[in-house]
Protein backbone atom coordinates (compact mmCIF):
# COMPACT_ATOMS: atom_id res chain seq x y z
CA MET A 1 -17.16 13.84 -5.23
CA ASN A 2 -17.48 17.60 -5.03
CA ARG A 3 -14.47 19.76 -4.15
CA THR A 4 -15.91 21.02 -0.83
CA LEU A 5 -16.55 17.49 0.41
CA SER A 6 -13.09 16.37 -0.74
CA LEU A 7 -11.40 19.25 1.09
CA SER A 8 -13.50 18.60 4.17
CA LEU A 9 -12.52 14.91 4.23
CA LEU A 10 -8.85 15.83 3.72
CA LEU A 11 -8.97 18.35 6.57
CA THR A 12 -10.68 15.82 8.83
CA THR A 13 -7.99 13.22 8.07
CA VAL A 14 -5.20 15.72 8.80
CA LEU A 15 -6.82 16.80 12.07
CA LEU A 16 -7.39 13.21 13.17
CA GLY A 17 -3.80 12.36 12.26
CA THR A 18 -2.55 15.22 14.40
CA ALA A 19 -4.76 14.08 17.26
CA CYS A 20 -3.42 10.55 16.85
CA ALA A 21 0.20 11.68 17.02
CA ARG A 22 -0.46 13.75 20.16
CA ALA A 23 -2.53 11.11 21.96
CA SER A 24 0.35 9.64 23.93
CA GLU A 25 1.46 13.11 25.12
CA GLU A 26 -2.04 14.03 26.27
CA ALA A 27 -2.56 10.72 28.03
CA VAL A 28 0.23 11.61 30.42
CA SER A 29 -1.21 15.03 31.28
CA SER A 30 -4.95 14.33 31.55
CA PRO A 31 -6.45 12.75 34.70
CA ALA A 32 -9.62 11.83 32.78
CA THR A 33 -7.57 10.11 30.10
CA ALA A 34 -5.50 8.38 32.76
CA THR A 35 -8.70 7.00 34.30
CA ALA A 36 -9.97 5.84 30.90
CA THR A 37 -6.58 4.27 30.17
CA ALA A 38 -6.62 2.47 33.52
CA SER A 39 -10.09 1.12 32.71
CA ALA A 40 -8.92 -0.06 29.29
CA VAL A 41 -5.92 -1.78 30.87
CA ALA A 42 -8.23 -3.54 33.35
CA VAL A 43 -10.43 -4.79 30.48
CA LEU A 44 -7.38 -5.99 28.54
CA ALA A 45 -6.06 -7.80 31.59
CA GLU A 46 -9.28 -9.82 31.52
CA ALA A 47 -9.10 -10.41 27.74
CA THR A 48 -8.29 -13.98 26.82
CA ILE A 49 -6.15 -14.90 23.85
CA ASP A 50 -7.98 -17.21 21.47
CA PRO A 51 -5.54 -20.01 20.56
CA GLU A 52 -7.32 -20.37 17.21
CA LEU A 53 -6.35 -16.82 16.16
CA PRO A 54 -2.95 -16.07 14.58
CA LEU A 55 -0.45 -13.55 15.90
CA ALA A 56 -1.11 -9.97 14.79
CA ILE A 57 2.16 -8.16 14.11
CA VAL A 58 1.32 -4.45 14.23
CA HIS A 59 3.76 -2.03 12.60
CA LYS A 60 3.33 1.59 13.78
CA THR A 61 5.22 4.69 14.76
CA ALA A 62 6.04 4.94 18.46
CA SER A 63 4.15 8.21 18.92
CA CYS A 64 0.82 7.05 17.46
CA GLY A 65 -1.77 6.66 20.20
CA CYS A 66 -4.66 5.53 18.00
CA CYS A 67 -2.57 2.65 16.65
CA GLY A 68 -2.08 1.39 20.19
CA VAL A 69 -5.81 1.66 20.84
CA TRP A 70 -6.48 -0.38 17.68
CA ALA A 71 -3.99 -3.02 18.87
CA ASP A 72 -5.89 -3.10 22.18
CA HIS A 73 -9.10 -3.67 20.17
CA LEU A 74 -7.46 -6.74 18.61
CA LYS A 75 -6.33 -8.01 22.02
CA ALA A 76 -9.85 -7.59 23.40
CA ALA A 77 -11.10 -9.68 20.44
CA GLY A 78 -8.72 -12.50 21.38
CA PHE A 79 -5.78 -11.86 19.04
CA PRO A 80 -2.24 -12.24 20.36
CA VAL A 81 -0.51 -8.97 19.39
CA GLU A 82 3.12 -8.02 18.86
CA ILE A 83 3.88 -4.31 18.40
CA ARG A 84 6.78 -3.26 16.17
CA ASP A 85 7.54 0.44 16.35
CA THR A 86 9.27 1.91 13.31
CA ASP A 87 10.30 5.37 12.21
CA ASP A 88 9.50 4.74 8.52
CA MET A 89 6.29 2.91 7.63
CA HIS A 90 6.75 3.23 3.85
CA PRO A 91 9.03 0.17 3.42
CA VAL A 92 6.63 -1.95 5.50
CA LYS A 93 3.63 -0.92 3.40
CA GLN A 94 5.58 -1.46 0.19
CA ARG A 95 6.84 -4.91 1.25
CA LEU A 96 3.32 -6.03 2.19
CA GLY A 97 1.70 -4.68 -0.99
CA VAL A 98 -0.53 -1.93 0.38
CA PRO A 99 -1.95 -0.30 -2.78
CA ALA A 100 -1.12 3.34 -3.50
CA GLY A 101 -3.70 5.67 -2.01
CA LYS A 102 -5.00 3.03 0.43
CA ALA A 103 -2.66 3.71 3.36
CA SER A 104 -3.52 4.45 6.96
CA CYS A 105 -1.41 5.04 10.05
CA HIS A 106 -0.53 1.41 10.87
CA THR A 107 -0.06 -1.89 9.06
CA ALA A 108 -0.49 -5.38 10.47
CA GLU A 109 0.44 -8.86 9.33
CA ILE A 110 -2.17 -11.39 10.40
CA GLY A 111 -2.45 -14.99 9.21
CA GLY A 112 -0.60 -14.35 5.95
CA TYR A 113 -2.63 -11.24 5.13
CA VAL A 114 -1.88 -7.53 5.28
CA VAL A 115 -4.35 -5.56 7.40
CA GLU A 116 -4.04 -1.83 6.79
CA GLY A 117 -5.73 0.70 9.06
CA HIS A 118 -8.48 0.77 11.65
CA ILE A 119 -10.27 -2.40 10.50
CA PRO A 120 -12.71 -4.00 12.95
CA ALA A 121 -11.57 -7.33 14.42
CA SER A 122 -14.81 -8.92 13.21
CA ASP A 123 -13.80 -8.21 9.58
CA ILE A 124 -10.36 -9.72 10.18
CA LYS A 125 -11.94 -12.83 11.70
CA ARG A 126 -14.24 -13.12 8.68
CA LEU A 127 -11.21 -12.81 6.34
CA LEU A 128 -9.40 -15.56 8.24
CA LYS A 129 -12.47 -17.81 8.16
CA GLU A 130 -13.18 -17.33 4.44
CA ARG A 131 -9.47 -17.35 3.39
CA PRO A 132 -9.95 -15.66 -0.01
CA THR A 133 -7.08 -15.53 -2.48
CA ALA A 134 -6.10 -11.96 -1.70
CA ARG A 135 -3.38 -9.78 -0.19
CA GLY A 136 -5.60 -8.67 2.68
CA LEU A 137 -7.79 -5.80 3.87
CA VAL A 138 -7.40 -2.03 3.73
CA LEU A 139 -9.24 0.86 5.31
CA PRO A 140 -7.72 4.07 3.94
CA GLY A 141 -7.45 7.07 6.22
CA MET A 142 -8.73 7.16 9.76
CA PRO A 143 -12.56 7.10 9.72
CA ALA A 144 -14.20 8.59 12.80
CA GLY A 145 -15.74 5.87 14.95
CA SER A 146 -13.66 3.00 13.55
CA PRO A 147 -11.74 0.89 16.12
CA GLY A 148 -9.09 3.12 17.65
CA MET A 149 -10.83 6.26 16.38
CA GLU A 150 -13.93 6.07 18.58
CA MET A 151 -15.86 9.31 19.10
CA PRO A 152 -17.15 10.39 22.54
CA ASP A 153 -20.72 10.64 21.21
CA GLY A 154 -20.58 7.19 19.57
CA TYR A 155 -20.73 8.58 16.03
CA VAL A 156 -19.42 6.25 13.32
CA GLN A 157 -18.62 7.81 9.97
CA PRO A 158 -19.73 5.54 7.10
CA TYR A 159 -16.72 3.62 5.77
CA THR A 160 -15.92 0.64 3.59
CA VAL A 161 -13.29 -1.96 4.37
CA GLU A 162 -11.82 -3.16 1.07
CA LEU A 163 -10.40 -6.54 0.06
CA VAL A 164 -7.07 -6.23 -1.77
CA LEU A 165 -6.96 -8.80 -4.55
CA ALA A 166 -3.76 -10.51 -5.70
CA ASP A 167 -3.33 -8.01 -8.56
CA GLY A 168 -3.55 -5.04 -6.15
CA SER A 169 -7.06 -3.99 -7.13
CA THR A 170 -9.69 -3.65 -4.42
CA GLN A 171 -13.34 -4.46 -3.94
CA PRO A 172 -15.74 -3.77 -1.06
CA PHE A 173 -15.52 -6.29 1.78
CA ALA A 174 -17.59 -4.75 4.60
CA GLN A 175 -19.63 -1.60 5.25
CA HIS A 176 -19.74 0.14 8.61
CA GLY A 177 -21.22 3.26 10.13
CA GLN A 178 -24.44 5.14 9.73
CA GLY A 179 -26.11 3.98 6.55
CA GLY A 180 -23.52 1.18 6.17
């Protein structure tokens, strides 16, 4: 990958991370966001938990707004969700075997698997159906347009969800976004 593209992706990740951390503060001050949040709450109130799906335990920092939106995505897909706020995500990621360089802003435990990052619920359901011998799924960073990182114009950055094998290596599991 060329240096300009690498720096651009790094800058994008930093900017999105900053936006994520400030999301809860802005939600309080913006009437438009308050309306959107009220709409999302109304949709979630109608969401039905699928008794066939396991509990999703989502570990995140308390100030991360995009993590909460991703948890709402899981709820809308029928997952029962338990949020566990923590000040230090590193021990959680280490305990669950998230490979170095594959981290995102939140980590979930679902059906005996680790689910790292803004992974679509459909990929998690596929993992649970296929039950491969693996640690789980990872989606490094915070790709624009992934669940919880939706863009106003509907843009979805191409991204690859990876399967983490028992030895910690990864392989592609699902492609998303334009060209994916």
